[in-house]
Each structure stands twice: as structure tokens, then as C-alpha cells.
Amino acid sequence: MLVIRPIEQRDFAILKQISIESGHGFTSLPVNDELLQKKIDHSLTSFASRAGGKGDCLYFFVAEDSDTGEVLGTTALESAVGLTSPFYTYLLGKQVHCSRKLGIHNVVETLTLTNDYTGVSELCTLFLREPARHGMNGRLLSKCRFLFLAEFSELFDRRILAEMRGVSDEGGNSPFWSWLQEHFFSMDFPTVDYLTGIGQKGFIADLMPKYPIYVSLLSKEARAVIGKTHDKTRPALHLLEEEGFSWRGYVDIFDAGPTVECEVHNIRTLRNSRRLTVQIGHPVRAQTHLVSNTRFEGFRALLGEMAINEQKGQAVMTRAVASLLKVEDGDTVRVAEMKRND
């Protein structure tokens, strides 16, 4: 069984392996020891010194196999983007060129560089390793963050976003970036992806076009991938769409992948979750539930079989499940029912 827990220092080696496995375009996990250590440090600090409200905090989790102790995935929440370094996106918009006298009315699409998401919370760093890509593991990795959000909502913005990896090939070549590179840059996509991942974003402000780009001027290949998602990222996007996330025209400035967003209080799993009291025993007519304890630094979440006693407001679970959640009789858990098609 996979158990979600905050990252620890002992996870460094496997985090580096995951950063290698994640490949090009997964900007949040660069293959760089110093930056990976900074992410661990940032998360440890965020959990150890709980903020009084939204701040520059990172809550980084790993998925650990309870039988082997092997870490098989990562997932994270960033409380607010763009506070310490600019958070850039392109906004896909429209401009109208009209002449009544000539009887011409043209609507053209544009891409405008923005910092519109500054201060918004972010879902990030979701990666499930190949051996664990089965069953409901992907859903656990994605949805566990919503229980944390529900329990500690004061630490996050009213809106939350998620950047979806855009289209690139096995060599890390992005059709969208190829056009930008030809006209404005002299760096290939893997290089800019890596520089962004390690926080060296100054080149963006220096070299990115400041004025709106007419989409019609882009190459056919670049136009075709605007707002499109990498094949490996489509399942993650589908899960977020089920939760109520939608695309509102913002795309990544390097690969043009879509940035989706949702009002936190409208997230389906968060909205449907509730607090219940633990009853350790033998659940009758048990069903699969997404469940977490209500601790901050000691947060745990998993998918487990349990029964709900509606009259007593109890979550009836086995001793084994309670042990993995680090709860006892009478403790509080947060629960959301899960179905195979959720």
C-alpha cells in the first residue's frame, strides 16, 4: 500500500533518481543536487515552522510503499508562486483588426507575456514511477493534496493552478520553443528547461518578446501545440478536470502546455471530504476511501478500505490502516469516498 508523507532528508537519493526518470519538460525536478537539496530544505522548513498564513512555503510529499519502504512517487503544493522570483505565463487572447470602410473584420489570436498568477497557490511535482503506475495510485498521488488543502486552507490562496507539461519529443525538443529559439533565443529547449528548474530565470525578462506575439506568425508546428498536453501528462490533466479545474487560456512560455486552475472551495474532493472520528475494529461492508490524518508536520494519507458509521460520525478501520495513518481510537481523520471511476 502507498502512504503519502512529507519528504525527509533520507529521501534525497531517490528524489535524484526520480528527477532523472521524469525526463525533459518536468521543470520542477531538475537533475541538480543543489536545487534538489534546496527543495527538501524548503519543505522541511515549511513543515517545521508553520506559517500563520499564506507565504513562500513548499509542502513536498512522497509516496512510500508500506511493505518495502521504497519511494514510488512525488507530489507537492506551493503556497504562493511568484513571490521570490517572477512566475511567467503566456495568455492566449484576441485582437480585432477592423475597417468598416473596407469591409474588413479580422480576429487574430495573440500570446501576451504575463505575471497574472503571482500569489496564486500551485499543485506541482506530481510524478509516479513506472512500477507503481497501476490501480488507483495515480489518483491517490493527485487527490491527497486536496485533503491537505481542506485541512490547512488558511495557508493557501483562494485559487490554485497546475502547469501541465506541453508537447515535446523523446529528445526534449519542443515545437513551440523551436520557433522562439529561432527568433529570440540561442538555447535549445532542454537548456532553458534546466535553467528555469534551477531558478535562473533572468534570461526570460532579458530575451522574451515584450509585446504580444501574433499566433498566425508562428510556424504550423508551434501553433498546433498551443494549449496541448504531453502524452504522459494527459492522465494527470484528466484527474484535475474531474476535480473542476479548467483551462482559461494561460500556457507555459517554453512548451505552450496549458495551465489549469480552480477556486479551492470548488475542488470536488475537497468539497466532498469530511472529518470523522476513528473507530478501530472490523469494518463491515467496507469501501475504498481516500483518508488522511489531520496532523500538519506528521501528515499521512492513503487509500484504504473502511466503513462509515453515519450515526456516530465514525470511520471504522482496521488496526493496520490506523497504524499507517498514525492514528488511534478517537482521533480525527479526513475522509473522501473513492470509486474506481473517480
Foldseek 3Di string as FASTA:
>chain_A
DKKKAFDDPVCLVVLLVVLVVVAAQQLQRFNDSVLSVVLSVQQVVCLVDPDPFADQGKGKMFIADPVPRDTFWIWIKGAWPCPVHADKWWFWDWDWDDDVVVGDIDIFIWTAIDSVRGGAMEIGRTDGHPVPPDACPSVLSQCVVLQVCLLPVRHHDQKYKYAAGFDDDNVNAALQQVQCCVPFNVDGRRVVSNCVSSPNCPVCVVTPDNDIDTLVPGDPRNSVGAQHHYPVRVVVVVSQVVQPWDFDRIAHPRRNHTMTMDRSCSGNQNVQKDKAFEDADDADPWAWKWKWFSDRNGIMIDIDTWDADVVRRYTYYHPVVCVRRVHDGGGMMIIGGDDSVD
